[in-house]
Amino acid sequence: MGAVGLKISRDTSRMDVGKLVNDWMSKSTNPKIQQAYKLKQSTTFPDSIYKPLKSALEANDNKKALEEAYALIDNEPDEKAKKKREALILKEFNPFSYPNKDKDQKDPQVEIKPFATHSKEMEQQFRASLDKAGKDAYRQAIQDQVDLYVKLYRALYGRPEYPEGTPEAYQR
């Protein structure tokens, strides 16, 4: 239990991967990666609008998660906008993307969103540089994001569901 004004938090798997990517970027000799690293170091981003929702999901507080989700959804002016916001929330928490989904293919190709570097090219280079422990941490970060998505879906719809096309390795 924390004292007043003292925030107690544990490192998440994404934070662990963030430390790994920060170290990788700082040591890279690639000018593009060095430029991205310098930009990352000099930029301060505001908290995400999804932070309270994510915190509630991480705390397994379904009631609070539902309140936070609907606080975002209910800010929209009409039903069409509310449905769009709901879809955007699910998309935000989905760790996968579907690059060929609109190309009339029966089974969409599933890719992991580049969450560590925010660049598909850099993410591939980063992942290739990881040792076994780093790969395990990266995989755990994806697993944790899948789990958050399932919790969110359960909070919104009363039943768990994996993101479309979730590889079996990430289904518990």
Protein backbone atom coordinates (compact mmCIF):
# COMPACT_ATOMS: atom_id res chain seq x y z
CA MET A 1 0.00 0.00 0.00
CA GLY A 2 1.41 3.40 -0.98
CA ALA A 3 1.57 6.50 1.16
CA VAL A 4 -0.18 9.69 0.15
CA GLY A 5 1.53 11.11 -2.91
CA LEU A 6 3.56 7.96 -3.50
CA LYS A 7 2.76 6.04 -6.63
CA ILE A 8 3.66 2.37 -6.61
CA SER A 9 3.84 0.64 -9.94
CA ARG A 10 5.49 -2.41 -11.35
CA ASP A 11 7.32 -2.61 -14.63
CA THR A 12 5.15 -4.07 -17.33
CA SER A 13 6.43 -6.24 -20.13
CA ARG A 14 6.00 -3.29 -22.51
CA MET A 15 8.18 -1.18 -20.20
CA ASP A 16 10.79 -3.94 -20.25
CA VAL A 17 10.74 -3.95 -24.05
CA GLY A 18 10.88 -0.15 -24.01
CA LYS A 19 14.12 -0.32 -22.03
CA LEU A 20 15.52 -2.85 -24.51
CA VAL A 21 14.59 -0.75 -27.54
CA ASN A 22 15.97 2.39 -25.91
CA ASP A 23 19.30 0.62 -25.31
CA TRP A 24 19.30 -0.79 -28.86
CA MET A 25 18.56 2.60 -30.42
CA SER A 26 21.20 4.39 -28.33
CA LYS A 27 23.91 1.95 -29.45
CA SER A 28 22.91 1.79 -33.11
CA THR A 29 25.23 3.21 -35.74
CA ASN A 30 22.39 3.47 -38.27
CA PRO A 31 21.76 7.22 -38.87
CA LYS A 32 18.00 6.67 -39.29
CA ILE A 33 17.79 4.87 -35.95
CA GLN A 34 20.00 7.49 -34.27
CA GLN A 35 17.73 10.25 -35.61
CA ALA A 36 14.65 8.43 -34.27
CA TYR A 37 16.40 7.94 -30.91
CA LYS A 38 17.29 11.62 -30.60
CA LEU A 39 13.74 12.61 -31.46
CA LYS A 40 12.38 10.12 -28.91
CA GLN A 41 14.71 11.51 -26.22
CA SER A 42 13.75 15.12 -26.89
CA THR A 43 9.98 14.66 -27.18
CA THR A 44 7.50 14.56 -24.34
CA PHE A 45 4.15 13.05 -25.22
CA PRO A 46 0.95 13.71 -23.28
CA ASP A 47 -0.78 10.78 -21.57
CA SER A 48 -2.99 8.78 -23.88
CA ILE A 49 -6.74 9.23 -23.61
CA TYR A 50 -6.78 5.45 -23.12
CA LYS A 51 -4.53 5.48 -20.04
CA PRO A 52 -7.36 5.35 -17.43
CA LEU A 53 -9.04 2.52 -19.36
CA LYS A 54 -5.77 0.61 -19.64
CA SER A 55 -5.09 1.07 -15.92
CA ALA A 56 -8.53 -0.28 -15.03
CA LEU A 57 -8.03 -3.31 -17.29
CA GLU A 58 -4.57 -3.98 -15.83
CA ALA A 59 -6.11 -3.83 -12.34
CA ASN A 60 -8.82 -6.31 -13.41
CA ASP A 61 -11.47 -3.75 -12.48
CA ASN A 62 -14.20 -4.49 -15.03
CA LYS A 63 -16.60 -1.95 -13.56
CA LYS A 64 -14.05 0.87 -13.78
CA ALA A 65 -12.95 -0.31 -17.25
CA LEU A 66 -16.53 -0.13 -18.47
CA GLU A 67 -16.93 3.35 -16.94
CA GLU A 68 -13.72 4.54 -18.63
CA ALA A 69 -14.70 3.04 -22.00
CA TYR A 70 -18.11 4.64 -21.90
CA ALA A 71 -16.64 7.96 -20.77
CA LEU A 72 -14.82 7.96 -24.12
CA ILE A 73 -17.74 6.62 -26.14
CA ASP A 74 -20.41 8.85 -24.60
CA ASN A 75 -18.43 11.99 -25.47
CA GLU A 76 -19.37 11.44 -29.09
CA PRO A 77 -22.28 13.47 -30.54
CA ASP A 78 -24.36 10.71 -32.16
CA GLU A 79 -24.76 6.93 -32.45
CA LYS A 80 -22.64 6.68 -35.60
CA ALA A 81 -19.76 8.50 -33.90
CA LYS A 82 -20.20 6.38 -30.76
CA LYS A 83 -19.91 3.16 -32.78
CA LYS A 84 -16.84 4.55 -34.53
CA ARG A 85 -15.22 5.46 -31.16
CA GLU A 86 -15.98 1.95 -29.83
CA ALA A 87 -14.27 0.44 -32.90
CA LEU A 88 -11.31 2.80 -32.44
CA ILE A 89 -10.93 1.75 -28.81
CA LEU A 90 -10.85 -1.91 -29.79
CA LYS A 91 -8.38 -1.12 -32.59
CA GLU A 92 -6.14 0.75 -30.14
CA PHE A 93 -5.97 -2.25 -27.82
CA ASN A 94 -5.53 -4.79 -30.63
CA PRO A 95 -1.82 -5.70 -30.92
CA PHE A 96 -2.29 -6.89 -34.49
CA SER A 97 -2.84 -5.21 -37.84
CA TYR A 98 -4.31 -6.65 -41.02
CA PRO A 99 -2.50 -5.22 -44.05
CA ASN A 100 -4.50 -7.15 -46.66
CA LYS A 101 -7.91 -7.14 -44.95
CA ASP A 102 -9.62 -5.05 -47.62
CA LYS A 103 -8.20 -7.04 -50.52
CA ASP A 104 -10.93 -9.71 -50.74
CA GLN A 105 -8.82 -12.37 -49.10
CA LYS A 106 -10.60 -15.02 -47.08
CA ASP A 107 -8.01 -15.08 -44.28
CA PRO A 108 -6.46 -11.71 -43.56
CA GLN A 109 -2.71 -11.58 -43.02
CA VAL A 110 -1.96 -10.81 -39.39
CA GLU A 111 1.04 -8.72 -38.34
CA ILE A 112 2.17 -7.50 -34.94
CA LYS A 113 1.86 -3.72 -34.74
CA PRO A 114 5.29 -2.12 -34.27
CA PHE A 115 4.70 -0.98 -30.68
CA ALA A 116 8.34 -0.72 -29.56
CA THR A 117 9.74 1.49 -32.33
CA HIS A 118 6.52 2.59 -34.10
CA SER A 119 8.21 1.82 -37.41
CA LYS A 120 7.71 -1.49 -39.21
CA GLU A 121 11.25 -1.44 -40.62
CA MET A 122 12.92 -0.53 -37.32
CA GLU A 123 10.79 -3.02 -35.41
CA GLN A 124 12.04 -5.83 -37.65
CA GLN A 125 15.65 -4.78 -37.08
CA PHE A 126 15.06 -4.48 -33.34
CA ARG A 127 13.41 -7.90 -33.08
CA ALA A 128 16.24 -9.48 -35.10
CA SER A 129 18.77 -8.05 -32.63
CA LEU A 130 17.13 -9.60 -29.55
CA ASP A 131 18.64 -12.50 -27.65
CA LYS A 132 16.41 -15.24 -26.21
CA ALA A 133 15.55 -13.24 -23.09
CA GLY A 134 14.70 -10.21 -25.22
CA LYS A 135 12.54 -12.29 -27.54
CA ASP A 136 10.76 -13.75 -24.53
CA ALA A 137 10.12 -10.24 -23.16
CA TYR A 138 8.83 -9.10 -26.56
CA ARG A 139 6.52 -12.09 -26.81
CA GLN A 140 5.25 -11.45 -23.27
CA ALA A 141 4.48 -7.83 -24.19
CA ILE A 142 2.35 -9.05 -27.10
CA GLN A 143 0.67 -11.63 -24.84
CA ASP A 144 -0.12 -8.93 -22.28
CA GLN A 145 -1.65 -6.75 -25.00
CA VAL A 146 -3.78 -9.67 -26.23
CA ASP A 147 -4.91 -10.24 -22.64
CA LEU A 148 -5.86 -6.55 -22.28
CA TYR A 149 -7.89 -6.76 -25.49
CA VAL A 150 -9.73 -9.83 -24.20
CA LYS A 151 -10.46 -8.05 -20.89
CA LEU A 152 -11.72 -4.99 -22.77
CA TYR A 153 -13.95 -7.09 -25.00
CA ARG A 154 -15.33 -8.89 -21.94
CA ALA A 155 -16.03 -5.57 -20.18
CA LEU A 156 -17.84 -4.17 -23.24
CA TYR A 157 -19.75 -7.24 -24.40
CA GLY A 158 -19.87 -9.61 -21.43
CA ARG A 159 -17.82 -12.32 -23.13
CA PRO A 160 -14.14 -12.72 -23.92
CA GLU A 161 -12.94 -12.68 -27.50
CA TYR A 162 -9.48 -12.67 -29.05
CA PRO A 163 -8.58 -10.15 -31.74
CA GLU A 164 -9.32 -11.44 -35.22
CA GLY A 165 -6.62 -13.78 -36.48
CA THR A 166 -4.81 -14.07 -33.14
CA PRO A 167 -2.09 -16.71 -33.58
CA GLU A 168 -2.64 -19.79 -31.40
CA ALA A 169 0.56 -19.07 -29.49
CA TYR A 170 -1.17 -16.03 -27.96
CA GLN A 171 -4.44 -17.76 -27.08
CA ARG A 172 -4.68 -18.99 -23.50
